[in-house]
C-alpha cells in the first residue's frame, strides 16, 4: 500500500475536499475522457447524489462541477476568472470546454440535485453525461468523491480500495502493526521509511519541493486567516474570530499573570484561522480533508512558535510521519465525513498531527503509534452535522479542539514507553465499524444533530 504525502496533502480550495475539490476533479477527468473519445459532443449534463446533493449548495458542489467542466482545477484555481466564467455560463447556457469547443449546458436544468437514495458505491456520488446533437446520451460516467479530494470512477471503486499498481516500495506497510515491525527490523523511524517509499516513486527533489510547498501554503493560510475578519459567506452570518483572538493573545504575551491553559487558545486560533479561510473558499491544504484542514498546520505552528528547540528543518519528519498515519486510516477505514462522520475527518487529522508532533519531539515508533491511537480513540463516534450544509458550525471550532487533543495525545504518549492497551489498528477498525453503523443523517447530510437543532438563518 502506497499513498504519497503529496497526494494526502493536496493544495486546493475551500470549502470542502470531497464536495468542492472532488467534483471539480471528476469533471476534469470527464473532459479528458471526452477528448479521447471518437465522437462529437454537443452538450453536457450531470446529477449529484447522496451527500453531494443534500449539502451540495452549502459546499459549492454545483459551482465546482460547472467550473471543472469549464477546465478549472483545484491546484491552479483563479477566483476572479472563475466568477467571470460562471457568469458567462449562466448567461449563455454554454460551456467552453477546453479542447472540445462550446457545449450546451444550462446550469438550471442540466445539473440535477437528486435527493433520492445515494448511489451504491459511496455517499458522495455524481453522474456526468455527454449528449449528441439530438440530446441523446452518448457517454456517461459515474464518479465517487471518496474524501480528501480523491476521486474514483465506478469501475475503479469496484476494483478495490488498493488500486496502487506502481513499482514496489521498500516498506509496504498496510497496518500499524506492520509499520512497527518494519521499523524494528530496519532500525529506521517511521519518517525515514516513508521517505524511502516516496523517493522510490517520485525522487528526492520532487519530494522535498513538494513538502516545502505544502507547508508554505499551510502557513500562508494561517497568516491570511489571522489577518482577515468579517462575516463568512453562506447565510449563517458566522463571524470570523481568529484575528480578534490572535490580537488579544499578542497583547497578553509576556504578562506574568497569563494562565498556562492559554496555550490552548493559541492552538485553537491557528486552526480556526485555517478553517475560516476554508469556509470562505480560500486556498488550503487537505490534511487529510478540507473540513479538517486546520488541525495539522495548527499543531505545526504551535510546535515551531511555542516549543523550545523546534526547528523548521524537521518539518519533513512531521509531515511524513503524519502522512504515514493518514495513509493507514484511509486504506483501512475512511477519511470521508459522508462515509464515516467527522471522526474520519477531524479524528484522522488529530491522529496524524499527534503522530507528527510526537516524532519531532523525539518519540520512538511505538510512542508515535500510541500518540495516533490516543487522538483517534477520543474522536470515535463524532458525527458530521454541518449547519445549513456549510463547513462552518461546528467545523471551525472543532479543528481547534482537534489540535488540542493532538498535542495532549503526543504528550501522553511521550510520558510512556510505547506500550499501551488499544493498538492503533484496533482504533482504526473501530472507527470504520462505527462509521458503517452511524445513521446517514449524521454523515454530512445536514439532516440531524446540530444541523436541525439550531436556527439555520
Protein backbone atom coordinates (compact mmCIF):
# COMPACT_ATOMS: atom_id res chain seq x y z
CA UNK A 1 0.00 0.00 0.00
CA UNK A 2 1.45 3.35 -1.03
CA UNK A 3 -0.17 6.77 -0.75
CA UNK A 4 2.14 9.69 -1.39
CA UNK A 5 2.43 12.52 1.11
CA UNK A 6 1.87 14.81 -1.89
CA UNK A 7 -1.48 13.15 -2.59
CA UNK A 8 -2.68 13.10 1.00
CA UNK A 9 -1.69 16.75 1.45
CA UNK A 10 -3.06 18.46 -1.67
CA UNK A 11 -3.24 22.17 -2.41
CA UNK A 12 -6.80 23.10 -3.22
CA UNK A 13 -9.72 25.37 -2.48
CA UNK A 14 -12.45 25.53 0.13
CA UNK A 15 -14.87 24.79 1.47
CA UNK A 16 -14.71 21.01 1.02
CA UNK A 17 -12.25 18.50 -0.38
CA UNK A 18 -14.96 15.90 -1.03
CA UNK A 19 -17.74 18.26 -2.11
CA UNK A 20 -15.78 21.00 -3.87
CA UNK A 21 -12.38 19.70 -4.93
CA UNK A 22 -13.56 16.16 -5.71
CA UNK A 23 -16.39 17.15 -8.08
CA UNK A 24 -14.08 19.63 -9.84
CA UNK A 25 -11.51 16.87 -10.32
CA UNK A 26 -14.20 14.44 -11.51
CA UNK A 27 -15.44 16.94 -14.08
CA UNK A 28 -11.89 17.50 -15.30
CA UNK A 29 -11.41 13.75 -15.67
CA UNK A 30 -14.66 13.55 -17.65
CA UNK A 31 -13.33 16.17 -20.07
CA UNK A 32 -10.20 14.05 -20.53
CA UNK A 33 -12.39 11.07 -21.44
CA UNK A 34 -14.40 13.14 -23.90
CA UNK A 35 -11.29 14.49 -25.58
CA UNK A 36 -10.10 10.90 -26.11
CA UNK A 37 -13.49 9.72 -27.44
CA UNK A 38 -14.09 9.25 -31.20
CA UNK A 39 -17.43 11.07 -31.34
CA UNK A 40 -18.52 14.71 -31.38
CA UNK A 41 -20.06 16.11 -28.20
CA UNK A 42 -22.71 18.83 -28.32
CA UNK A 43 -23.87 19.12 -24.72
CA UNK A 44 -23.22 18.15 -21.10
CA UNK A 45 -25.42 17.07 -18.20
CA UNK A 46 -24.89 15.85 -14.67
CA UNK A 47 -26.52 14.75 -11.43
CA UNK A 48 -25.39 14.91 -7.81
CA UNK A 49 -26.39 12.18 -5.37
CA UNK A 50 -26.30 11.39 -1.66
CA UNK A 51 -24.35 13.85 0.45
CA UNK A 52 -23.28 15.75 -2.68
CA UNK A 53 -26.95 16.59 -3.20
CA UNK A 54 -28.01 17.21 0.40
CA UNK A 55 -25.16 19.57 1.29
CA UNK A 56 -24.03 20.41 -2.22
CA UNK A 57 -25.22 24.02 -2.28
CA UNK A 58 -23.56 24.85 1.04
CA UNK A 59 -20.38 23.13 -0.09
CA UNK A 60 -20.40 24.82 -3.54
CA UNK A 61 -20.61 21.43 -5.27
CA UNK A 62 -22.64 22.78 -8.18
CA UNK A 63 -20.19 25.62 -8.77
CA UNK A 64 -17.23 23.24 -8.54
CA UNK A 65 -18.74 20.79 -11.02
CA UNK A 66 -19.53 23.50 -13.54
CA UNK A 67 -16.09 25.04 -13.21
CA UNK A 68 -14.47 21.62 -13.60
CA UNK A 69 -16.36 21.14 -16.84
CA UNK A 70 -15.03 24.55 -17.90
CA UNK A 71 -11.45 23.43 -17.33
CA UNK A 72 -10.70 24.66 -13.81
CA UNK A 73 -8.71 22.56 -11.33
CA UNK A 74 -8.26 23.00 -7.55
CA UNK A 75 -4.48 23.41 -7.56
CA UNK A 76 -4.47 26.26 -10.10
CA UNK A 77 -7.81 27.84 -9.18
CA UNK A 78 -8.22 31.52 -10.10
CA UNK A 79 -11.14 33.02 -8.15
CA UNK A 80 -11.62 36.06 -10.38
CA UNK A 81 -11.56 34.02 -13.59
CA UNK A 82 -13.97 31.51 -12.01
CA UNK A 83 -16.57 34.19 -11.27
CA UNK A 84 -16.34 35.55 -14.82
CA UNK A 85 -16.68 32.03 -16.26
CA UNK A 86 -19.70 31.17 -14.10
CA UNK A 87 -21.46 34.40 -15.08
CA UNK A 88 -20.86 33.68 -18.76
CA UNK A 89 -22.14 30.09 -18.48
CA UNK A 90 -25.32 31.19 -16.70
CA UNK A 91 -25.92 33.94 -19.29
CA UNK A 92 -25.29 31.82 -22.39
CA UNK A 93 -26.20 28.28 -21.24
CA UNK A 94 -22.94 27.24 -22.87
CA UNK A 95 -19.67 25.85 -21.53
CA UNK A 96 -16.49 26.46 -23.48
CA UNK A 97 -14.75 23.22 -22.51
CA UNK A 98 -11.00 23.20 -23.32
CA UNK A 99 -10.30 21.05 -26.36
CA UNK A 100 -14.00 20.42 -27.04
CA UNK A 101 -15.34 23.82 -28.01
CA UNK A 102 -18.64 25.39 -26.92
CA UNK A 103 -21.06 22.82 -25.47
CA UNK A 104 -24.70 23.22 -24.43
CA UNK A 105 -25.10 23.38 -20.67
CA UNK A 106 -27.78 25.22 -18.74
CA UNK A 107 -26.98 25.13 -15.01
CA UNK A 108 -30.67 25.43 -14.15
CA UNK A 109 -31.70 22.29 -15.99
CA UNK A 110 -28.58 20.29 -16.80
CA UNK A 111 -27.21 19.79 -13.26
CA UNK A 112 -29.68 17.90 -11.09
CA UNK A 113 -29.61 17.59 -7.29
CA UNK A 114 -31.03 14.09 -6.75
CA UNK A 115 -32.31 13.79 -3.16
CA UNK A 116 -33.30 10.16 -3.52
CA UNK A 117 -31.22 7.18 -2.34
CA UNK A 118 -27.47 7.56 -2.65
CA UNK A 119 -25.62 5.73 -5.41
CA UNK A 120 -24.47 2.27 -4.31
CA UNK A 121 -20.71 2.86 -4.24
CA UNK A 122 -20.34 5.77 -1.82
CA UNK A 123 -22.33 8.55 -0.16
CA UNK A 124 -20.64 11.10 -2.45
CA UNK A 125 -21.74 10.11 -5.94
CA UNK A 126 -22.16 12.01 -9.18
CA UNK A 127 -23.01 11.12 -12.77
CA UNK A 128 -21.71 13.10 -15.74
CA UNK A 129 -23.10 12.69 -19.26
CA UNK A 130 -22.32 13.90 -22.76
CA UNK A 131 -25.05 14.42 -25.37
CA UNK A 132 -25.09 14.39 -29.15
CA UNK A 133 -26.81 16.98 -31.36
CA UNK A 134 -30.24 15.40 -30.70
CA UNK A 135 -29.73 15.45 -26.93
CA UNK A 136 -29.18 11.71 -26.61
CA UNK A 137 -26.60 10.48 -24.11
CA UNK A 138 -23.52 9.16 -25.91
CA UNK A 139 -21.18 8.90 -22.93
CA UNK A 140 -21.84 8.52 -19.22
CA UNK A 141 -19.56 8.03 -16.23
CA UNK A 142 -20.23 7.65 -12.52
CA UNK A 143 -17.71 9.19 -10.13
CA UNK A 144 -17.33 8.90 -6.38
CA UNK A 145 -15.63 11.57 -4.31
CA UNK A 146 -14.25 9.38 -1.55
CA UNK A 147 -12.78 12.05 0.73
CA UNK A 148 -9.72 14.29 0.77
CA UNK A 149 -10.19 15.26 -2.87
CA UNK A 150 -9.68 11.67 -4.05
CA UNK A 151 -11.97 10.61 -6.90
CA UNK A 152 -12.71 7.15 -8.28
CA UNK A 153 -14.87 6.01 -11.16
CA UNK A 154 -17.45 3.31 -10.58
CA UNK A 155 -15.12 0.75 -12.14
CA UNK A 156 -12.13 1.88 -10.07
CA UNK A 157 -14.12 1.66 -6.86
CA UNK A 158 -15.38 -1.82 -7.76
CA UNK A 159 -11.80 -2.96 -8.40
CA UNK A 160 -10.94 -2.43 -4.73
CA UNK A 161 -9.52 0.25 -2.48
CA UNK A 162 -5.89 -0.72 -3.08
CA UNK A 163 -5.60 0.36 -6.70
CA UNK A 164 -1.90 1.24 -6.44
CA UNK A 165 -0.17 -0.62 -9.27
CA UNK A 166 3.18 1.17 -9.19
CA UNK A 167 6.58 -0.29 -8.52
CA UNK A 168 7.10 -1.96 -5.13
CA UNK A 169 8.24 0.33 -2.30
CA UNK A 170 10.89 -0.59 0.28
CA UNK A 171 8.50 -0.54 3.26
CA UNK A 172 4.99 -1.53 2.07
CA UNK A 173 3.20 -1.49 5.43
CA UNK A 174 -0.60 -1.77 5.31
CA UNK A 175 -1.21 -1.66 9.05
CA UNK A 176 0.30 -0.04 12.10
CA UNK A 177 1.49 -3.46 13.28
CA UNK A 178 3.40 -3.98 10.04
CA UNK A 179 4.77 -0.43 10.28
CA UNK A 180 6.16 -1.06 13.76
CA UNK A 181 7.58 -4.43 12.78
CA UNK A 182 9.38 -2.90 9.79
CA UNK A 183 10.70 -0.07 11.98
CA UNK A 184 12.11 -2.57 14.44
CA UNK A 185 13.66 -4.75 11.75
CA UNK A 186 15.15 -1.88 9.77
CA UNK A 187 16.13 0.36 12.66
CA UNK A 188 14.53 3.29 10.84
CA UNK A 189 11.99 5.81 12.05
CA UNK A 190 8.52 6.00 10.54
CA UNK A 191 9.54 9.18 8.70
CA UNK A 192 12.65 7.52 7.29
CA UNK A 193 10.64 4.56 5.98
CA UNK A 194 8.04 6.87 4.50
CA UNK A 195 10.76 8.98 2.88
CA UNK A 196 12.35 5.86 1.33
CA UNK A 197 8.97 4.85 -0.08
CA UNK A 198 8.41 8.32 -1.53
CA UNK A 199 11.87 8.56 -3.09
CA UNK A 200 11.42 5.17 -4.75
CA UNK A 201 8.38 6.57 -6.58
CA UNK A 202 8.85 10.31 -7.10
CA UNK A 203 12.51 11.06 -6.32
CA UNK A 204 14.10 13.15 -3.59
CA UNK A 205 13.94 16.53 -5.36
CA UNK A 206 10.23 16.34 -6.12
CA UNK A 207 9.54 15.13 -2.59
CA UNK A 208 11.49 17.92 -0.91
CA UNK A 209 9.98 20.59 -3.16
CA UNK A 210 6.51 19.20 -2.58
CA UNK A 211 6.84 19.14 1.20
CA UNK A 212 8.17 22.69 1.18
CA UNK A 213 5.20 23.77 -0.92
CA UNK A 214 2.75 22.01 1.41
CA UNK A 215 4.00 23.90 4.46
CA UNK A 216 4.23 27.19 2.57
CA UNK A 217 0.53 27.00 1.65
CA UNK A 218 -0.45 25.82 5.13
CA UNK A 219 1.47 28.61 6.84
CA UNK A 220 0.24 31.27 4.42
CA UNK A 221 -3.31 30.09 5.07
CA UNK A 222 -2.83 30.56 8.82
CA UNK A 223 -1.45 34.06 8.27
CA UNK A 224 -4.34 35.07 5.98
CA UNK A 225 -6.84 33.75 8.49
CA UNK A 226 -5.19 35.73 11.28
CA UNK A 227 -5.31 38.89 9.14
CA UNK A 228 -8.87 38.70 7.82
CA UNK A 229 -12.14 39.40 9.61
CA UNK A 230 -15.77 39.93 8.66
CA UNK A 231 -18.74 37.63 8.01
CA UNK A 232 -18.32 34.26 6.34
CA UNK A 233 -20.46 33.60 3.23
CA UNK A 234 -23.44 31.27 3.16
CA UNK A 235 -26.17 32.98 5.16
CA UNK A 236 -25.41 31.87 8.73
CA UNK A 237 -23.74 35.22 9.45
CA UNK A 238 -20.88 33.49 11.24
CA UNK A 239 -18.19 35.99 12.22
CA UNK A 240 -14.52 35.30 11.72
CA UNK A 241 -12.92 35.20 15.17
CA UNK A 242 -9.31 34.15 14.64
CA UNK A 243 -7.98 37.67 14.04
CA UNK A 244 -9.57 39.18 17.16
CA UNK A 245 -8.49 36.30 19.39
CA UNK A 246 -4.96 36.44 17.99
CA UNK A 247 -4.71 40.17 18.65
CA UNK A 248 -5.75 39.62 22.27
CA UNK A 249 -3.22 36.83 22.66
CA UNK A 250 -0.46 39.05 21.28
CA UNK A 251 -1.44 41.82 23.68
CA UNK A 252 -1.26 39.41 26.64
CA UNK A 253 2.05 37.85 25.59
CA UNK A 254 4.74 38.20 28.22
CA UNK A 255 2.35 39.02 31.04
CA UNK A 256 3.29 37.12 34.17
CA UNK A 257 -0.35 36.51 35.11
CA UNK A 258 -1.29 34.66 31.92
CA UNK A 259 -2.75 31.25 32.81
CA UNK A 260 -0.96 28.16 31.42
CA UNK A 261 -4.13 26.96 29.68
CA UNK A 262 -4.00 29.98 27.34
CA UNK A 263 -1.67 27.95 25.12
CA UNK A 264 -4.83 26.11 24.06
CA UNK A 265 -6.16 29.40 22.71
CA UNK A 266 -3.08 29.77 20.51
CA UNK A 267 -3.59 26.29 19.05
CA UNK A 268 -7.30 26.87 18.52
CA UNK A 269 -6.71 30.23 16.88
CA UNK A 270 -4.21 28.81 14.39
CA UNK A 271 -6.65 26.05 13.47
CA UNK A 272 -9.65 28.38 13.29
CA UNK A 273 -7.70 30.75 11.03
CA UNK A 274 -7.27 27.94 8.50
CA UNK A 275 -10.86 26.80 8.63
CA UNK A 276 -12.24 30.31 8.38
CA UNK A 277 -10.22 30.65 5.19
CA UNK A 278 -11.57 27.30 4.03
CA UNK A 279 -15.15 28.36 4.76
CA UNK A 280 -14.57 31.48 2.67
CA UNK A 281 -13.42 29.39 -0.30
CA UNK A 282 -9.74 30.21 0.11
CA UNK A 283 -6.66 28.17 -0.70
CA UNK A 284 -5.97 25.38 1.80
CA UNK A 285 -4.20 22.03 2.00
CA UNK A 286 -6.18 18.84 2.52
CA UNK A 287 -4.94 17.46 5.83
CA UNK A 288 -6.37 14.95 5.16
CA UNK A 289 -9.53 16.85 4.12
CA UNK A 290 -10.60 20.48 3.85
CA UNK A 291 -13.06 20.16 6.71
CA UNK A 292 -10.15 19.06 8.93
CA UNK A 293 -7.52 21.23 7.25
CA UNK A 294 -6.69 23.29 10.34
CA UNK A 295 -5.50 20.59 12.73
CA UNK A 296 -2.12 19.61 11.28
CA UNK A 297 -0.93 23.15 10.40
CA UNK A 298 -2.08 24.44 13.81
CA UNK A 299 -0.02 21.81 15.63
CA UNK A 300 3.00 22.51 13.42
CA UNK A 301 2.68 26.25 14.07
CA UNK A 302 2.32 25.59 17.80
CA UNK A 303 5.46 23.46 17.73
CA UNK A 304 7.52 25.97 15.72
CA UNK A 305 6.39 29.09 17.60
CA UNK A 306 5.94 27.85 21.15
CA UNK A 307 8.09 24.76 21.79
CA UNK A 308 11.74 25.38 22.73
CA UNK A 309 14.19 23.73 20.35
CA UNK A 310 11.73 23.38 17.45
CA UNK A 311 13.31 23.70 14.02
CA UNK A 312 11.80 24.02 10.56
CA UNK A 313 14.47 21.55 9.42
CA UNK A 314 12.33 18.81 10.97
CA UNK A 315 9.14 19.71 9.07
CA UNK A 316 9.63 16.82 6.67
CA UNK A 317 9.74 14.37 9.60
CA UNK A 318 6.48 15.81 10.93
CA UNK A 319 4.62 15.68 7.62
CA UNK A 320 5.99 12.31 6.50
CA UNK A 321 5.03 10.72 9.83
CA UNK A 322 1.59 12.32 9.69
CA UNK A 323 1.14 11.08 6.13
CA UNK A 324 2.08 7.54 7.11
CA UNK A 325 -0.71 7.53 9.71
CA UNK A 326 -3.19 9.21 7.37
CA UNK A 327 -2.49 6.60 4.72
CA UNK A 328 -3.24 3.78 7.16
CA UNK A 329 -6.54 5.40 8.15
CA UNK A 330 -7.59 5.98 4.55
CA UNK A 331 -6.63 2.47 3.45
CA UNK A 332 -8.21 0.61 6.37
CA UNK A 333 -11.19 2.85 7.13
CA UNK A 334 -12.09 6.26 5.70
CA UNK A 335 -11.25 9.96 5.74
CA UNK A 336 -14.70 10.90 4.40
CA UNK A 337 -17.25 12.60 6.64
CA UNK A 338 -20.02 11.46 4.30
CA UNK A 339 -18.91 7.86 4.77
CA UNK A 340 -17.96 7.73 8.46
CA UNK A 341 -18.79 11.04 10.13
CA UNK A 342 -16.39 13.65 11.45
CA UNK A 343 -14.41 11.00 13.32
CA UNK A 344 -12.98 10.21 9.86
CA UNK A 345 -12.01 13.82 9.22
CA UNK A 346 -11.03 15.70 12.39
CA UNK A 347 -10.35 12.40 14.16
CA UNK A 348 -7.96 11.30 11.42
CA UNK A 349 -6.34 14.75 11.31
CA UNK A 350 -5.81 14.73 15.06
CA UNK A 351 -4.18 11.30 14.90
CA UNK A 352 -1.91 12.47 12.09
CA UNK A 353 -0.93 15.64 13.95
CA UNK A 354 -0.32 13.74 17.19
CA UNK A 355 1.97 11.32 15.39
CA UNK A 356 3.87 14.10 13.63
CA UNK A 357 4.38 16.08 16.84
CA UNK A 358 5.46 13.00 18.76
CA UNK A 359 8.02 12.26 16.06
CA UNK A 360 9.67 15.69 16.09
CA UNK A 361 9.71 15.68 19.90
CA UNK A 362 11.84 12.53 19.84
CA UNK A 363 9.23 9.82 20.14
CA UNK A 364 10.00 6.22 19.24
CA UNK A 365 7.90 4.47 16.58
CA UNK A 366 5.95 2.81 19.40
CA UNK A 367 5.26 6.14 21.10
CA UNK A 368 4.23 7.68 17.77
CA UNK A 369 1.76 4.85 17.15
CA UNK A 370 0.46 5.34 20.69
CA UNK A 371 0.01 9.10 20.14
CA UNK A 372 -2.01 8.50 16.98
CA UNK A 373 -4.16 5.90 18.74
CA UNK A 374 -4.94 8.18 21.70
CA UNK A 375 -6.00 11.01 19.41
CA UNK A 376 -8.17 8.84 17.18
CA UNK A 377 -9.73 6.89 20.05
CA UNK A 378 -11.08 10.05 21.63
CA UNK A 379 -12.78 11.19 18.45
CA UNK A 380 -14.63 7.90 17.89
CA UNK A 381 -18.32 8.39 17.22
CA UNK A 382 -18.04 12.07 16.27
CA UNK A 383 -20.82 13.00 13.85
CA UNK A 384 -20.69 15.23 10.79
CA UNK A 385 -23.73 17.52 11.08
CA UNK A 386 -22.83 20.88 9.48
CA UNK A 387 -25.46 23.55 9.99
CA UNK A 388 -27.04 24.58 6.67
CA UNK A 389 -24.57 22.32 4.89
CA UNK A 390 -21.80 24.86 5.42
CA UNK A 391 -18.31 23.97 6.62
CA UNK A 392 -18.60 26.47 9.48
CA UNK A 393 -20.59 25.24 12.50
CA UNK A 394 -19.31 23.14 14.23
CA UNK A 395 -16.39 22.57 11.84
CA UNK A 396 -14.27 25.65 12.52
CA UNK A 397 -14.07 25.30 16.32
CA UNK A 398 -13.85 21.53 16.02
CA UNK A 399 -10.48 21.87 14.30
CA UNK A 400 -9.20 23.86 17.27
CA UNK A 401 -10.22 21.12 19.68
CA UNK A 402 -8.72 18.51 17.37
CA UNK A 403 -5.39 20.32 17.55
CA UNK A 404 -5.53 20.48 21.34
CA UNK A 405 -6.29 16.75 21.54
CA UNK A 406 -3.40 16.02 19.18
CA UNK A 407 -0.90 17.85 21.38
CA UNK A 408 -2.29 16.19 24.52
CA UNK A 409 -2.11 12.76 22.87
CA UNK A 410 1.51 13.28 21.82
CA UNK A 411 2.44 14.47 25.30
CA UNK A 412 0.78 11.49 26.99
CA UNK A 413 2.47 9.07 24.62
CA UNK A 414 5.88 10.62 25.28
CA UNK A 415 5.35 10.10 29.03
CA UNK A 416 5.10 6.36 28.40
CA UNK A 417 7.30 3.74 26.80
CA UNK A 418 5.06 2.98 23.82
CA UNK A 419 3.28 0.03 25.42
CA UNK A 420 -0.46 0.56 25.60
CA UNK A 421 -3.72 -1.35 25.73
CA UNK A 422 -5.50 -0.39 22.47
CA UNK A 423 -3.47 -0.76 19.25
CA UNK A 424 -3.87 1.92 16.55
CA UNK A 425 -5.13 -0.76 14.17
CA UNK A 426 -7.97 -1.54 16.58
CA UNK A 427 -8.91 2.14 16.83
CA UNK A 428 -8.93 2.46 13.03
CA UNK A 429 -11.10 -0.65 12.64
CA UNK A 430 -13.44 0.61 15.35
CA UNK A 431 -13.77 3.91 13.51
CA UNK A 432 -14.66 2.03 10.33
CA UNK A 433 -17.31 -0.03 12.13
CA UNK A 434 -18.79 2.97 13.92
CA UNK A 435 -18.96 4.81 10.60
CA UNK A 436 -20.78 1.90 8.98
CA UNK A 437 -23.28 1.79 11.85
CA UNK A 438 -23.79 5.57 12.02
CA UNK A 439 -27.14 6.82 10.72
CA UNK A 440 -26.91 8.70 7.41
CA UNK A 441 -28.37 11.85 8.97
CA UNK A 442 -25.12 12.23 10.92
CA UNK A 443 -22.87 11.76 7.88
CA UNK A 444 -22.67 15.13 6.09
CA UNK A 445 -26.28 15.32 5.01
CA UNK A 446 -27.32 18.06 7.47
CA UNK A 447 -30.41 16.02 8.32
CA UNK A 448 -29.65 15.51 12.01
CA UNK A 449 -27.71 16.72 15.03
CA UNK A 450 -26.76 20.38 15.27
CA UNK A 451 -27.93 20.93 11.71
CA UNK A 452 -31.58 20.58 12.75
CA UNK A 453 -31.47 21.74 16.36
CA UNK A 454 -30.34 25.34 15.95
CA UNK A 455 -31.73 28.05 13.63
CA UNK A 456 -30.25 27.92 10.12
CA UNK A 457 -30.69 31.58 9.35
